[in-house]
Amino acid sequence: MNLLERTSNHAILKMIYRSQLHGSVTLLATVAILGGGNPPVAGVGLAVADPDDAAVADTAEVTWLLLAELNYRTGEKSEELAALDGKLVKVPGFTVPLEDFASSATEFLLVPYVGACIHVPPPPPNQLVYIEMDEGKRAKMDGWNPVWVEGVLSIEMTESVYGDVGFSISGHRVYPYLN
């Protein structure tokens, strides 16, 4: 995706977000994520973990299209994806708590679109990321507003109540997509 596409998509998403049309935001965010790998729009008031944590300059931004390069049936992955295993990354998405009615959590799933995992069938494992926050940190759960999750990526198959998961992140920081 070139800078013009990213800037244009960002402006459109920001405009729709400001209009507070949540149904439109959900639809547009889903289309943007699945169609072009663009991250979703953000919500307000999702301060999670420690907002004073400084972002590390060498954090790699990972898209859902890149995560889809994991063949979850065979375990094969692209060289670009394999190079990120064990590295500090940030991934955009929506939170899905693993506990019922949780307003914050130390463990949750990150998914590419609103409502994933709530309806059957769940997304494939290469579109689910299991997040376990660092000790002492909790993430606010609000599945309607997208976030960035920063942490160390591990490419490994694990199980969750919503199905198999292809990735895990040791979560250092969670914050709204737009600041």
Protein backbone atom coordinates (compact mmCIF):
# COMPACT_ATOMS: atom_id res chain seq x y z
CA MET A 1 0.00 0.00 0.00
CA ASN A 2 1.48 3.34 -0.99
CA LEU A 3 1.40 6.57 1.01
CA LEU A 4 -1.44 8.06 -1.07
CA GLU A 5 -3.67 5.02 -0.48
CA ARG A 6 -2.88 5.01 3.24
CA THR A 7 -3.49 8.77 3.59
CA SER A 8 -6.74 8.59 1.64
CA ASN A 9 -8.02 5.62 3.64
CA HIS A 10 -6.98 7.26 6.90
CA ALA A 11 -8.85 10.48 6.01
CA ILE A 12 -12.01 8.58 5.06
CA LEU A 13 -11.93 6.48 8.22
CA LYS A 14 -11.30 9.53 10.39
CA MET A 15 -14.21 11.42 8.77
CA ILE A 16 -16.61 8.53 9.32
CA TYR A 17 -15.43 8.05 12.89
CA ARG A 18 -16.08 11.70 13.69
CA SER A 19 -19.61 11.36 12.35
CA GLN A 20 -20.25 8.67 15.01
CA LEU A 21 -21.98 6.34 12.55
CA HIS A 22 -20.91 3.13 14.24
CA GLY A 23 -22.63 0.84 11.72
CA SER A 24 -20.82 2.58 8.87
CA VAL A 25 -17.57 2.51 10.79
CA THR A 26 -17.90 -1.20 11.36
CA LEU A 27 -18.65 -1.88 7.72
CA LEU A 28 -15.92 0.40 6.40
CA ALA A 29 -13.35 -0.89 8.88
CA THR A 30 -14.14 -4.47 7.91
CA VAL A 31 -13.89 -3.70 4.19
CA ALA A 32 -10.67 -1.75 4.70
CA ILE A 33 -9.05 -4.48 6.76
CA LEU A 34 -10.10 -7.43 4.64
CA GLY A 35 -9.91 -5.67 1.28
CA GLY A 36 -6.66 -3.78 1.53
CA GLY A 37 -5.02 -4.68 4.76
CA ASN A 38 -5.61 -1.20 6.12
CA PRO A 39 -5.99 -0.90 9.88
CA PRO A 40 -9.35 0.06 11.38
CA VAL A 41 -10.52 3.39 12.71
CA ALA A 42 -10.19 4.16 16.39
CA GLY A 43 -12.35 4.86 19.31
CA VAL A 44 -11.84 7.29 22.12
CA GLY A 45 -11.25 6.56 25.78
CA LEU A 46 -9.54 3.20 25.52
CA ALA A 47 -6.57 4.03 27.70
CA VAL A 48 -5.18 0.65 28.60
CA ALA A 49 -2.02 -0.66 30.17
CA ASP A 50 0.27 2.28 30.99
CA PRO A 51 -0.28 5.24 28.64
CA ASP A 52 3.13 6.61 29.64
CA ASP A 53 4.93 3.61 28.15
CA ALA A 54 7.11 4.91 25.34
CA ALA A 55 6.78 3.21 21.96
CA VAL A 56 9.95 1.57 20.75
CA ALA A 57 11.25 2.99 17.47
CA ASP A 58 11.95 -0.43 15.95
CA THR A 59 8.42 -1.76 16.44
CA ALA A 60 7.27 -3.44 13.21
CA GLU A 61 3.72 -2.65 12.06
CA VAL A 62 2.02 -5.92 11.12
CA THR A 63 -1.07 -6.07 8.89
CA TRP A 64 -3.72 -8.75 8.80
CA LEU A 65 -2.71 -9.52 5.22
CA LEU A 66 0.78 -10.37 6.45
CA LEU A 67 -0.64 -12.57 9.23
CA ALA A 68 -2.72 -14.37 6.59
CA GLU A 69 0.57 -15.58 5.08
CA LEU A 70 0.64 -18.29 7.76
CA ASN A 71 -0.71 -21.54 6.33
CA TYR A 72 -2.32 -22.80 9.52
CA ARG A 73 -2.83 -26.28 8.06
CA THR A 74 0.84 -26.89 7.26
CA GLY A 75 2.59 -24.33 9.48
CA GLU A 76 4.35 -22.82 6.47
CA LYS A 77 4.79 -19.05 6.48
CA SER A 78 6.29 -16.38 4.28
CA GLU A 79 9.88 -15.27 4.93
CA GLU A 80 8.62 -11.80 5.88
CA LEU A 81 6.26 -13.24 8.50
CA ALA A 82 8.83 -15.74 9.82
CA ALA A 83 11.32 -12.89 10.33
CA LEU A 84 8.91 -11.27 12.82
CA ASP A 85 8.73 -14.30 15.14
CA GLY A 86 10.12 -13.16 18.52
CA LYS A 87 10.23 -9.50 17.45
CA LEU A 88 8.50 -6.43 18.84
CA VAL A 89 5.44 -5.67 16.69
CA LYS A 90 2.23 -3.67 16.70
CA VAL A 91 -1.01 -5.02 15.25
CA PRO A 92 -4.33 -3.17 14.82
CA GLY A 93 -7.62 -4.85 15.60
CA PHE A 94 -10.58 -5.35 17.87
CA THR A 95 -10.52 -6.96 21.32
CA VAL A 96 -12.52 -10.05 22.25
CA PRO A 97 -12.46 -10.86 25.98
CA LEU A 98 -11.99 -14.48 26.96
CA GLU A 99 -14.08 -13.97 30.10
CA ASP A 100 -17.79 -13.14 30.01
CA PHE A 101 -18.71 -9.53 30.78
CA ALA A 102 -15.09 -8.48 31.37
CA SER A 103 -14.47 -4.72 31.23
CA SER A 104 -10.70 -5.26 31.35
CA ALA A 105 -8.53 -8.31 30.93
CA THR A 106 -5.03 -9.68 31.12
CA GLU A 107 -5.79 -12.14 28.30
CA PHE A 108 -7.90 -11.61 25.19
CA LEU A 109 -8.06 -12.20 21.45
CA LEU A 110 -7.28 -9.59 18.81
CA VAL A 111 -9.35 -9.92 15.64
CA PRO A 112 -9.44 -8.00 12.33
CA TYR A 113 -13.08 -6.91 12.42
CA VAL A 114 -15.90 -6.15 14.85
CA GLY A 115 -17.89 -9.18 15.93
CA ALA A 116 -15.33 -11.82 14.99
CA CYS A 117 -15.54 -14.86 17.31
CA ILE A 118 -18.97 -13.88 18.56
CA HIS A 119 -20.73 -15.62 15.70
CA VAL A 120 -20.03 -19.04 14.24
CA PRO A 121 -17.75 -19.84 12.54
CA PRO A 122 -14.77 -18.00 14.06
CA PRO A 123 -12.07 -16.54 11.81
CA PRO A 124 -9.30 -18.91 10.71
CA PRO A 125 -6.28 -19.26 13.05
CA ASN A 126 -4.17 -16.92 10.91
CA GLN A 127 -6.68 -14.15 11.67
CA LEU A 128 -6.69 -14.58 15.46
CA VAL A 129 -4.02 -13.32 17.87
CA TYR A 130 -3.98 -14.39 21.51
CA ILE A 131 -2.79 -11.53 23.73
CA GLU A 132 -1.42 -12.00 27.22
CA MET A 133 -0.59 -8.67 28.85
CA ASP A 134 2.68 -8.21 30.71
CA GLU A 135 2.51 -8.75 34.46
CA GLY A 136 0.55 -6.06 36.24
CA LYS A 137 -1.09 -4.69 33.08
CA ARG A 138 -4.72 -4.98 32.00
CA ALA A 139 -6.34 -3.99 28.73
CA LYS A 140 -9.74 -2.32 28.60
CA MET A 141 -12.23 -4.46 26.67
CA ASP A 142 -14.35 -2.59 24.14
CA GLY A 143 -14.91 -4.67 21.03
CA TRP A 144 -16.47 -1.74 19.13
CA ASN A 145 -13.38 0.47 19.09
CA PRO A 146 -10.15 -0.69 17.45
CA VAL A 147 -6.79 -0.58 19.14
CA TRP A 148 -3.11 -1.11 18.50
CA VAL A 149 -1.48 -3.90 20.49
CA GLU A 150 2.31 -3.73 20.91
CA GLY A 151 4.35 -6.66 22.13
CA VAL A 152 6.52 -9.60 21.19
CA LEU A 153 5.02 -11.80 18.46
CA SER A 154 5.13 -15.57 18.65
CA ILE A 155 3.98 -17.68 15.71
CA GLU A 156 2.49 -20.76 17.35
CA MET A 157 -0.82 -22.59 17.24
CA THR A 158 -2.79 -22.46 20.48
CA GLU A 159 -6.39 -23.16 21.43
CA SER A 160 -8.99 -20.77 22.80
CA VAL A 161 -12.68 -20.98 23.60
CA TYR A 162 -13.30 -19.42 20.17
CA GLY A 163 -11.12 -21.82 18.19
CA ASP A 164 -7.51 -22.35 17.17
CA VAL A 165 -5.25 -19.30 17.23
CA GLY A 166 -2.18 -18.91 15.01
CA PHE A 167 -0.30 -16.20 16.92
CA SER A 168 0.31 -14.87 20.38
CA ILE A 169 1.65 -11.55 21.60
CA SER A 170 3.11 -10.78 24.98
CA GLY A 171 1.31 -7.44 25.32
CA HIS A 172 3.41 -4.49 26.41
CA ARG A 173 0.92 -1.80 25.47
CA VAL A 174 -2.62 -1.38 24.12
CA TYR A 175 -3.89 2.00 22.91
CA PRO A 176 -6.55 3.53 20.61
CA TYR A 177 -5.86 3.28 16.90
CA LEU A 178 -6.09 7.06 16.39
CA ASN A 179 -4.62 9.42 18.94
